[in-house]
Amino acid sequence: MIKLNTPIEDKDIKLLKVGDKVLITGTIFTARDQAHSRLINEKNMKFEIYGSIIYYVGPTPKRDGFAIGASGPTSSYRMDKLAVPLMEKGLKLMIGKGNRSEEFRMEMIKNNSVYLIATGGAGALLSSKIKNSEVIMYEDLGAEAVYKLEVVDFPCFVAYDIYGNSIFEAKI
């Protein structure tokens, strides 16, 4: 198990290998399709993209006693082309679910970035690892707004590493 604290540095990325369990503590940001479309041309970013983590999620409304509602990962392939300009600006980790395109994988390796997967269908459990949430950009997008999340031991697995390996092709 690898414990990571944000922001993510290149030395952290080099440690991550396909299949590793990762626990993240610190600040992560949410963004899905519509937010990505805006972020790639954004002139007034409300967070530093370099060394950041983006979680592909559209959380449900906040529940009593929690910082956020259910927060399970969404299918990531829709962000393949939209994630490339953000990786070029220093995005280091992306969290989602499902396989990605070969073109995305090559761009990820080129930009020294890693793709993590969270367990789909476990949104309520994952939300218990989120200690604080606030919308910081694009409130008009509702659940697809950019949220700033403070997480403690947020569980993921390395799906693609910088060495060209894929959990979807691994012989585990």
N, C-alpha and C. Protein backbone atom coordinates (compact mmCIF):
# COMPACT_ATOMS: atom_id res chain seq x y z
N MET A 1 0.85 -1.17 0.00
CA MET A 1 0.00 0.00 0.00
C MET A 1 0.89 1.24 0.00
N ILE A 2 0.50 2.21 -0.81
CA ILE A 2 1.25 3.46 -0.92
C ILE A 2 0.38 4.59 -0.42
N LYS A 3 0.90 5.36 0.52
CA LYS A 3 0.18 6.54 1.02
C LYS A 3 0.75 7.77 0.33
N LEU A 4 -0.15 8.55 -0.26
CA LEU A 4 0.24 9.78 -0.94
C LEU A 4 -0.40 10.97 -0.27
N ASN A 5 0.36 12.04 -0.18
CA ASN A 5 -0.16 13.32 0.27
C ASN A 5 -0.05 14.31 -0.87
N THR A 6 -1.06 15.16 -0.99
CA THR A 6 -1.05 16.16 -2.06
C THR A 6 -0.28 17.39 -1.61
N PRO A 7 0.29 18.15 -2.55
CA PRO A 7 0.31 17.93 -3.99
C PRO A 7 1.25 16.78 -4.36
N ILE A 8 1.04 16.21 -5.55
CA ILE A 8 1.80 15.07 -6.03
C ILE A 8 3.06 15.56 -6.75
N GLU A 9 4.16 14.89 -6.47
CA GLU A 9 5.44 15.23 -7.10
C GLU A 9 5.87 14.10 -8.03
N ASP A 10 6.81 14.41 -8.91
CA ASP A 10 7.30 13.39 -9.85
C ASP A 10 7.84 12.17 -9.13
N LYS A 11 8.50 12.37 -7.97
CA LYS A 11 9.04 11.23 -7.23
C LYS A 11 7.92 10.30 -6.76
N ASP A 12 6.73 10.85 -6.48
CA ASP A 12 5.57 10.03 -6.10
C ASP A 12 5.10 9.20 -7.28
N ILE A 13 5.03 9.82 -8.45
CA ILE A 13 4.54 9.17 -9.66
C ILE A 13 5.42 7.97 -10.02
N LYS A 14 6.72 8.11 -9.84
CA LYS A 14 7.66 7.05 -10.19
C LYS A 14 7.47 5.80 -9.33
N LEU A 15 6.94 5.94 -8.13
CA LEU A 15 6.72 4.81 -7.23
C LEU A 15 5.52 3.96 -7.60
N LEU A 16 4.58 4.54 -8.31
CA LEU A 16 3.30 3.88 -8.56
C LEU A 16 3.38 2.86 -9.68
N LYS A 17 2.95 1.64 -9.37
CA LYS A 17 2.94 0.54 -10.33
C LYS A 17 1.54 -0.04 -10.42
N VAL A 18 1.18 -0.52 -11.60
CA VAL A 18 -0.14 -1.10 -11.83
C VAL A 18 -0.49 -2.10 -10.73
N GLY A 19 -1.72 -1.95 -10.21
CA GLY A 19 -2.22 -2.85 -9.17
C GLY A 19 -1.96 -2.37 -7.76
N ASP A 20 -1.06 -1.39 -7.58
CA ASP A 20 -0.80 -0.88 -6.23
C ASP A 20 -2.06 -0.27 -5.64
N LYS A 21 -2.30 -0.53 -4.35
CA LYS A 21 -3.36 0.15 -3.62
C LYS A 21 -2.77 1.46 -3.13
N VAL A 22 -3.53 2.54 -3.31
CA VAL A 22 -3.08 3.88 -2.94
C VAL A 22 -4.10 4.50 -2.01
N LEU A 23 -3.62 5.13 -0.95
CA LEU A 23 -4.48 5.91 -0.05
C LEU A 23 -4.03 7.36 -0.15
N ILE A 24 -4.95 8.24 -0.53
CA ILE A 24 -4.63 9.65 -0.76
C ILE A 24 -5.16 10.48 0.40
N THR A 25 -4.32 11.38 0.89
CA THR A 25 -4.71 12.34 1.91
C THR A 25 -4.32 13.73 1.41
N GLY A 26 -5.26 14.66 1.53
CA GLY A 26 -5.00 16.04 1.12
C GLY A 26 -6.12 16.57 0.28
N THR A 27 -5.79 17.44 -0.66
CA THR A 27 -6.77 18.12 -1.49
C THR A 27 -6.83 17.47 -2.87
N ILE A 28 -8.04 17.14 -3.30
CA ILE A 28 -8.27 16.70 -4.67
C ILE A 28 -9.40 17.54 -5.24
N PHE A 29 -9.50 17.57 -6.55
CA PHE A 29 -10.51 18.38 -7.23
C PHE A 29 -11.37 17.48 -8.10
N THR A 30 -12.63 17.85 -8.27
CA THR A 30 -13.52 17.08 -9.13
C THR A 30 -13.68 17.81 -10.46
N ALA A 31 -13.87 17.05 -11.50
CA ALA A 31 -14.18 17.62 -12.81
C ALA A 31 -14.65 16.50 -13.72
N ARG A 32 -15.71 16.77 -14.44
CA ARG A 32 -16.21 15.84 -15.44
C ARG A 32 -16.20 16.53 -16.79
N ASP A 33 -16.92 16.00 -17.75
CA ASP A 33 -16.91 16.47 -19.14
C ASP A 33 -17.03 17.99 -19.28
N GLN A 34 -18.13 18.54 -18.77
CA GLN A 34 -18.40 19.96 -18.99
C GLN A 34 -17.35 20.84 -18.31
N ALA A 35 -16.94 20.47 -17.11
CA ALA A 35 -15.91 21.25 -16.41
C ALA A 35 -14.59 21.16 -17.16
N HIS A 36 -14.23 19.98 -17.65
CA HIS A 36 -12.99 19.84 -18.42
C HIS A 36 -13.01 20.76 -19.63
N SER A 37 -14.14 20.81 -20.33
CA SER A 37 -14.24 21.67 -21.52
C SER A 37 -13.93 23.11 -21.18
N ARG A 38 -14.35 23.54 -20.00
CA ARG A 38 -14.08 24.92 -19.58
C ARG A 38 -12.66 25.08 -19.04
N LEU A 39 -12.18 24.10 -18.28
CA LEU A 39 -10.87 24.21 -17.64
C LEU A 39 -9.73 24.33 -18.65
N ILE A 40 -9.85 23.66 -19.79
CA ILE A 40 -8.73 23.68 -20.73
C ILE A 40 -8.48 25.07 -21.32
N ASN A 41 -9.48 25.96 -21.26
CA ASN A 41 -9.31 27.33 -21.75
C ASN A 41 -9.40 28.37 -20.64
N GLU A 42 -9.45 27.93 -19.41
CA GLU A 42 -9.65 28.83 -18.26
C GLU A 42 -8.44 29.74 -18.04
N LYS A 43 -8.71 31.03 -17.91
CA LYS A 43 -7.65 32.01 -17.65
C LYS A 43 -7.51 32.31 -16.16
N ASN A 44 -8.57 32.04 -15.39
CA ASN A 44 -8.57 32.35 -13.96
C ASN A 44 -8.79 31.09 -13.12
N MET A 45 -7.83 30.19 -13.18
CA MET A 45 -7.94 28.94 -12.42
C MET A 45 -8.01 29.24 -10.93
N LYS A 46 -8.88 28.52 -10.24
CA LYS A 46 -9.05 28.70 -8.80
C LYS A 46 -8.20 27.69 -8.01
N PHE A 47 -7.40 26.91 -8.73
CA PHE A 47 -6.48 25.99 -8.08
C PHE A 47 -5.27 25.77 -8.98
N GLU A 48 -4.18 25.36 -8.37
CA GLU A 48 -2.95 25.07 -9.10
C GLU A 48 -3.08 23.69 -9.72
N ILE A 49 -3.01 23.62 -11.04
CA ILE A 49 -3.17 22.33 -11.73
C ILE A 49 -1.92 21.47 -11.57
N TYR A 50 -0.74 22.11 -11.50
CA TYR A 50 0.50 21.34 -11.40
C TYR A 50 0.53 20.56 -10.08
N GLY A 51 0.68 19.24 -10.20
CA GLY A 51 0.74 18.38 -9.02
C GLY A 51 -0.61 18.01 -8.44
N SER A 52 -1.69 18.40 -9.14
CA SER A 52 -3.03 18.15 -8.63
C SER A 52 -3.56 16.77 -9.02
N ILE A 53 -4.66 16.43 -8.36
CA ILE A 53 -5.42 15.22 -8.66
C ILE A 53 -6.82 15.65 -9.06
N ILE A 54 -7.32 15.11 -10.15
CA ILE A 54 -8.72 15.34 -10.54
C ILE A 54 -9.46 14.01 -10.45
N TYR A 55 -10.58 14.06 -9.75
CA TYR A 55 -11.45 12.91 -9.56
C TYR A 55 -12.68 13.10 -10.43
N TYR A 56 -12.94 12.13 -11.31
CA TYR A 56 -14.10 12.18 -12.20
C TYR A 56 -15.32 11.70 -11.42
N VAL A 57 -16.07 12.65 -10.90
CA VAL A 57 -17.22 12.32 -10.06
C VAL A 57 -18.25 13.44 -10.17
N GLY A 58 -19.51 13.08 -10.05
CA GLY A 58 -20.60 14.03 -9.93
C GLY A 58 -21.32 13.68 -8.64
N PRO A 59 -20.90 14.25 -7.52
CA PRO A 59 -21.47 13.83 -6.24
C PRO A 59 -22.96 14.13 -6.12
N THR A 60 -23.62 13.30 -5.33
CA THR A 60 -25.03 13.54 -5.02
C THR A 60 -25.12 14.60 -3.93
N PRO A 61 -26.32 15.15 -3.68
CA PRO A 61 -26.43 16.18 -2.64
C PRO A 61 -25.93 15.69 -1.27
N LYS A 62 -25.44 16.65 -0.51
CA LYS A 62 -24.88 16.38 0.82
C LYS A 62 -25.89 15.69 1.72
N ARG A 63 -25.40 14.72 2.48
CA ARG A 63 -26.22 14.03 3.46
C ARG A 63 -25.86 14.50 4.86
N ASP A 64 -26.80 14.42 5.79
CA ASP A 64 -26.52 14.80 7.17
C ASP A 64 -25.36 13.99 7.72
N GLY A 65 -24.44 14.68 8.38
CA GLY A 65 -23.30 14.03 8.99
C GLY A 65 -22.14 13.78 8.05
N PHE A 66 -22.28 14.16 6.77
CA PHE A 66 -21.21 13.96 5.80
C PHE A 66 -20.88 15.29 5.12
N ALA A 67 -19.67 15.39 4.61
CA ALA A 67 -19.24 16.60 3.89
C ALA A 67 -19.82 16.67 2.49
N ILE A 68 -20.32 15.52 2.01
CA ILE A 68 -20.78 15.42 0.63
C ILE A 68 -21.69 14.20 0.52
N GLY A 69 -22.45 14.10 -0.56
CA GLY A 69 -23.27 12.91 -0.80
C GLY A 69 -22.43 11.80 -1.39
N ALA A 70 -23.10 10.77 -1.88
CA ALA A 70 -22.39 9.64 -2.50
C ALA A 70 -21.47 10.17 -3.60
N SER A 71 -20.26 9.65 -3.64
CA SER A 71 -19.23 10.19 -4.53
C SER A 71 -18.46 9.09 -5.24
N GLY A 72 -19.19 8.29 -5.99
CA GLY A 72 -18.56 7.21 -6.74
C GLY A 72 -18.00 7.71 -8.06
N PRO A 73 -16.99 7.03 -8.58
CA PRO A 73 -16.35 7.45 -9.83
C PRO A 73 -17.26 7.27 -11.03
N THR A 74 -17.03 8.11 -12.03
CA THR A 74 -17.76 7.99 -13.29
C THR A 74 -16.82 7.41 -14.35
N SER A 75 -17.41 6.90 -15.42
CA SER A 75 -16.60 6.36 -16.52
C SER A 75 -15.69 7.45 -17.07
N SER A 76 -14.45 7.12 -17.25
CA SER A 76 -13.43 8.12 -17.53
C SER A 76 -13.14 8.35 -19.00
N TYR A 77 -13.48 7.42 -19.86
CA TYR A 77 -13.11 7.53 -21.27
C TYR A 77 -13.60 8.83 -21.92
N ARG A 78 -14.68 9.40 -21.38
CA ARG A 78 -15.22 10.64 -21.96
C ARG A 78 -14.26 11.82 -21.80
N MET A 79 -13.35 11.72 -20.85
CA MET A 79 -12.40 12.80 -20.60
C MET A 79 -11.07 12.60 -21.31
N ASP A 80 -10.91 11.56 -22.11
CA ASP A 80 -9.61 11.24 -22.70
C ASP A 80 -8.97 12.43 -23.42
N LYS A 81 -9.65 12.99 -24.39
CA LYS A 81 -9.08 14.11 -25.15
C LYS A 81 -9.01 15.39 -24.31
N LEU A 82 -9.99 15.57 -23.42
CA LEU A 82 -10.05 16.77 -22.60
C LEU A 82 -8.98 16.79 -21.50
N ALA A 83 -8.51 15.63 -21.08
CA ALA A 83 -7.51 15.56 -20.01
C ALA A 83 -6.11 15.92 -20.51
N VAL A 84 -5.84 15.73 -21.79
CA VAL A 84 -4.49 15.95 -22.31
C VAL A 84 -3.99 17.37 -22.06
N PRO A 85 -4.74 18.43 -22.38
CA PRO A 85 -4.23 19.78 -22.11
C PRO A 85 -3.96 20.03 -20.62
N LEU A 86 -4.72 19.37 -19.75
CA LEU A 86 -4.49 19.53 -18.31
C LEU A 86 -3.23 18.78 -17.87
N MET A 87 -2.98 17.62 -18.45
CA MET A 87 -1.73 16.91 -18.15
C MET A 87 -0.54 17.73 -18.64
N GLU A 88 -0.69 18.39 -19.78
CA GLU A 88 0.40 19.23 -20.30
C GLU A 88 0.70 20.39 -19.37
N LYS A 89 -0.28 20.78 -18.54
CA LYS A 89 -0.09 21.86 -17.56
C LYS A 89 0.35 21.32 -16.20
N GLY A 90 0.53 19.98 -16.09
CA GLY A 90 1.06 19.42 -14.86
C GLY A 90 0.13 18.57 -14.03
N LEU A 91 -1.07 18.27 -14.53
CA LEU A 91 -1.97 17.36 -13.81
C LEU A 91 -1.26 16.02 -13.65
N LYS A 92 -1.17 15.51 -12.42
CA LYS A 92 -0.39 14.31 -12.16
C LYS A 92 -1.22 13.04 -12.00
N LEU A 93 -2.38 13.15 -11.39
CA LEU A 93 -3.20 11.96 -11.15
C LEU A 93 -4.63 12.24 -11.53
N MET A 94 -5.28 11.22 -12.10
CA MET A 94 -6.70 11.26 -12.40
C MET A 94 -7.31 10.02 -11.79
N ILE A 95 -8.50 10.18 -11.20
CA ILE A 95 -9.20 9.05 -10.57
C ILE A 95 -10.55 8.89 -11.27
N GLY A 96 -10.87 7.68 -11.66
CA GLY A 96 -12.15 7.40 -12.29
C GLY A 96 -12.44 5.93 -12.24
N LYS A 97 -13.14 5.46 -13.29
CA LYS A 97 -13.36 4.02 -13.42
C LYS A 97 -13.34 3.67 -14.90
N GLY A 98 -12.94 2.46 -15.18
CA GLY A 98 -12.97 1.96 -16.54
C GLY A 98 -11.71 2.21 -17.33
N ASN A 99 -11.63 1.51 -18.45
CA ASN A 99 -10.50 1.57 -19.35
C ASN A 99 -10.50 2.89 -20.12
N ARG A 100 -9.34 3.27 -20.64
CA ARG A 100 -9.17 4.49 -21.43
C ARG A 100 -8.61 4.13 -22.79
N SER A 101 -8.56 5.10 -23.69
CA SER A 101 -8.06 4.85 -25.04
C SER A 101 -6.54 4.69 -25.04
N GLU A 102 -6.05 4.03 -26.07
CA GLU A 102 -4.60 3.87 -26.24
C GLU A 102 -3.93 5.23 -26.42
N GLU A 103 -4.59 6.14 -27.14
CA GLU A 103 -4.04 7.48 -27.34
C GLU A 103 -3.88 8.20 -26.00
N PHE A 104 -4.88 8.07 -25.13
CA PHE A 104 -4.79 8.68 -23.81
C PHE A 104 -3.61 8.11 -23.03
N ARG A 105 -3.48 6.78 -23.06
CA ARG A 105 -2.38 6.13 -22.33
C ARG A 105 -1.03 6.66 -22.79
N MET A 106 -0.85 6.85 -24.08
CA MET A 106 0.43 7.35 -24.59
C MET A 106 0.68 8.80 -24.12
N GLU A 107 -0.37 9.61 -24.13
CA GLU A 107 -0.25 10.99 -23.65
C GLU A 107 0.06 11.01 -22.15
N MET A 108 -0.54 10.11 -21.41
CA MET A 108 -0.31 10.02 -19.98
C MET A 108 1.17 9.70 -19.69
N ILE A 109 1.72 8.74 -20.42
CA ILE A 109 3.13 8.38 -20.24
C ILE A 109 4.01 9.57 -20.60
N LYS A 110 3.72 10.20 -21.73
CA LYS A 110 4.50 11.37 -22.20
C LYS A 110 4.50 12.49 -21.16
N ASN A 111 3.37 12.67 -20.46
CA ASN A 111 3.24 13.76 -19.50
C ASN A 111 3.50 13.34 -18.06
N ASN A 112 4.02 12.11 -17.86
CA ASN A 112 4.39 11.64 -16.53
C ASN A 112 3.21 11.73 -15.56
N SER A 113 2.07 11.22 -16.02
CA SER A 113 0.85 11.22 -15.22
C SER A 113 0.36 9.78 -15.03
N VAL A 114 -0.47 9.58 -14.02
CA VAL A 114 -0.96 8.24 -13.68
C VAL A 114 -2.48 8.27 -13.56
N TYR A 115 -3.09 7.17 -13.97
CA TYR A 115 -4.55 7.01 -13.86
C TYR A 115 -4.85 5.99 -12.77
N LEU A 116 -5.67 6.40 -11.83
CA LEU A 116 -6.11 5.55 -10.73
C LEU A 116 -7.58 5.21 -10.91
N ILE A 117 -7.98 4.07 -10.38
CA ILE A 117 -9.40 3.73 -10.38
C ILE A 117 -9.87 3.60 -8.94
N ALA A 118 -11.10 4.06 -8.73
CA ALA A 118 -11.79 3.87 -7.46
C ALA A 118 -12.89 2.85 -7.72
N THR A 119 -13.38 2.26 -6.68
CA THR A 119 -14.37 1.20 -6.83
C THR A 119 -15.73 1.76 -7.19
N GLY A 120 -16.20 1.41 -8.39
CA GLY A 120 -17.54 1.82 -8.80
C GLY A 120 -18.59 1.15 -7.93
N GLY A 121 -19.68 1.83 -7.66
CA GLY A 121 -20.74 1.27 -6.82
C GLY A 121 -20.49 1.46 -5.34
N ALA A 122 -19.38 2.10 -4.99
CA ALA A 122 -19.04 2.30 -3.58
C ALA A 122 -19.06 3.78 -3.20
N GLY A 123 -19.95 4.55 -3.85
CA GLY A 123 -20.00 5.99 -3.64
C GLY A 123 -20.23 6.41 -2.20
N ALA A 124 -21.09 5.68 -1.47
CA ALA A 124 -21.35 6.03 -0.07
C ALA A 124 -20.10 5.79 0.77
N LEU A 125 -19.42 4.69 0.54
CA LEU A 125 -18.18 4.41 1.27
C LEU A 125 -17.12 5.46 0.95
N LEU A 126 -16.94 5.77 -0.31
CA LEU A 126 -15.94 6.76 -0.71
C LEU A 126 -16.24 8.13 -0.11
N SER A 127 -17.51 8.49 -0.01
CA SER A 127 -17.85 9.80 0.56
C SER A 127 -17.44 9.89 2.03
N SER A 128 -17.33 8.76 2.73
CA SER A 128 -16.91 8.79 4.13
C SER A 128 -15.44 9.18 4.27
N LYS A 129 -14.68 9.12 3.18
CA LYS A 129 -13.27 9.51 3.18
C LYS A 129 -13.08 10.99 2.84
N ILE A 130 -14.18 11.66 2.49
CA ILE A 130 -14.16 13.09 2.15
C ILE A 130 -14.58 13.87 3.38
N LYS A 131 -13.67 14.68 3.90
CA LYS A 131 -13.91 15.38 5.15
C LYS A 131 -14.44 16.80 4.96
N ASN A 132 -14.24 17.36 3.79
CA ASN A 132 -14.73 18.70 3.50
C ASN A 132 -14.90 18.84 1.99
N SER A 133 -15.92 19.58 1.57
CA SER A 133 -16.11 19.83 0.14
C SER A 133 -16.67 21.23 -0.05
N GLU A 134 -16.22 21.86 -1.12
CA GLU A 134 -16.78 23.16 -1.50
C GLU A 134 -16.67 23.35 -3.00
N VAL A 135 -17.68 23.94 -3.58
CA VAL A 135 -17.66 24.26 -5.00
C VAL A 135 -16.74 25.46 -5.18
N ILE A 136 -15.76 25.33 -6.08
CA ILE A 136 -14.84 26.45 -6.30
C ILE A 136 -14.92 27.04 -7.71
N MET A 137 -15.55 26.31 -8.64
CA MET A 137 -15.68 26.81 -10.00
C MET A 137 -16.92 26.21 -10.65
N TYR A 138 -17.56 26.98 -11.51
CA TYR A 138 -18.65 26.52 -12.37
C TYR A 138 -19.84 25.97 -11.60
N GLU A 139 -20.28 26.73 -10.61
CA GLU A 139 -21.43 26.33 -9.79
C GLU A 139 -22.66 26.04 -10.66
N ASP A 140 -22.77 26.73 -11.81
CA ASP A 140 -23.91 26.53 -12.70
C ASP A 140 -23.99 25.10 -13.26
N LEU A 141 -22.93 24.33 -13.14
CA LEU A 141 -22.93 22.95 -13.64
C LEU A 141 -23.49 21.95 -12.62
N GLY A 142 -23.90 22.41 -11.47
CA GLY A 142 -24.49 21.52 -10.46
C GLY A 142 -23.50 20.47 -10.02
N ALA A 143 -23.89 19.20 -10.11
CA ALA A 143 -23.03 18.10 -9.67
C ALA A 143 -21.73 18.03 -10.48
N GLU A 144 -21.71 18.64 -11.67
CA GLU A 144 -20.50 18.62 -12.49
C GLU A 144 -19.61 19.84 -12.27
N ALA A 145 -19.93 20.66 -11.27
CA ALA A 145 -19.07 21.79 -10.92
C ALA A 145 -17.71 21.26 -10.45
N VAL A 146 -16.74 22.15 -10.36
CA VAL A 146 -15.45 21.77 -9.79
C VAL A 146 -15.54 21.96 -8.29
N TYR A 147 -15.36 20.86 -7.58
CA TYR A 147 -15.34 20.85 -6.12
C TYR A 147 -13.90 20.71 -5.65
N LYS A 148 -13.61 21.35 -4.54
CA LYS A 148 -12.36 21.13 -3.81
C LYS A 148 -12.72 20.19 -2.67
N LEU A 149 -12.07 19.02 -2.64
CA LEU A 149 -12.34 18.02 -1.62
C LEU A 149 -11.12 17.83 -0.73
N GLU A 150 -11.35 17.74 0.56
CA GLU A 150 -10.30 17.35 1.50
C GLU A 150 -10.56 15.90 1.87
N VAL A 151 -9.60 15.04 1.58
CA VAL A 151 -9.78 13.61 1.79
C VAL A 151 -8.73 13.05 2.75
N VAL A 152 -9.11 11.96 3.41
CA VAL A 152 -8.19 11.23 4.28
C VAL A 152 -8.27 9.76 3.90
N ASP A 153 -7.13 9.21 3.52
CA ASP A 153 -7.03 7.79 3.14
C ASP A 153 -8.08 7.40 2.10
N PHE A 154 -8.20 8.20 1.05
CA PHE A 154 -9.11 7.92 -0.04
C PHE A 154 -8.54 6.76 -0.85
N PRO A 155 -9.26 5.62 -0.95
CA PRO A 155 -8.69 4.41 -1.55
C PRO A 155 -8.84 4.32 -3.07
N CYS A 156 -7.74 3.97 -3.72
CA CYS A 156 -7.70 3.78 -5.18
C CYS A 156 -6.72 2.67 -5.51
N PHE A 157 -6.73 2.29 -6.79
CA PHE A 157 -5.75 1.35 -7.32
C PHE A 157 -5.13 1.96 -8.57
N VAL A 158 -3.84 1.69 -8.79
CA VAL A 158 -3.17 2.19 -9.99
C VAL A 158 -3.66 1.37 -11.18
N ALA A 159 -4.27 2.06 -12.14
CA ALA A 159 -4.77 1.40 -13.35
C ALA A 159 -3.77 1.49 -14.49
N TYR A 160 -3.13 2.67 -14.68
CA TYR A 160 -2.08 2.85 -15.67
C TYR A 160 -0.92 3.54 -14.97
N ASP A 161 0.27 3.02 -15.18
CA ASP A 161 1.44 3.68 -14.62
C ASP A 161 2.25 4.34 -15.74
N ILE A 162 3.32 5.03 -15.37
CA ILE A 162 4.13 5.74 -16.37
C ILE A 162 5.02 4.81 -17.16
N TYR A 163 4.99 3.53 -16.83
CA TYR A 163 5.83 2.54 -17.50
C TYR A 163 5.08 1.80 -18.60
N GLY A 164 3.85 2.23 -18.89
CA GLY A 164 3.08 1.65 -19.97
C GLY A 164 2.23 0.45 -19.58
N ASN A 165 2.15 0.15 -18.30
CA ASN A 165 1.37 -1.00 -17.83
C ASN A 165 -0.08 -0.61 -17.58
N SER A 166 -0.97 -1.59 -17.78
CA SER A 166 -2.40 -1.39 -17.59
C SER A 166 -2.98 -2.50 -16.74
N ILE A 167 -3.77 -2.13 -15.75
CA ILE A 167 -4.43 -3.13 -14.90
C ILE A 167 -5.44 -3.94 -15.72
N PHE A 168 -5.92 -3.37 -16.81
CA PHE A 168 -6.90 -4.04 -17.65
C PHE A 168 -6.25 -5.12 -18.53
N GLU A 169 -4.94 -5.11 -18.60
CA GLU A 169 -4.20 -6.10 -19.37
C GLU A 169 -3.29 -6.96 -18.50
N ALA A 170 -3.20 -6.64 -17.22
CA ALA A 170 -2.27 -7.33 -16.31
C ALA A 170 -2.71 -8.78 -16.10
N LYS A 171 -1.74 -9.60 -15.90
CA LYS A 171 -1.98 -11.01 -15.62
C LYS A 171 -1.85 -11.18 -14.11
N ILE A 172 -2.91 -10.80 -13.41
CA ILE A 172 -2.88 -10.83 -11.94
C ILE A 172 -3.58 -12.07 -11.44
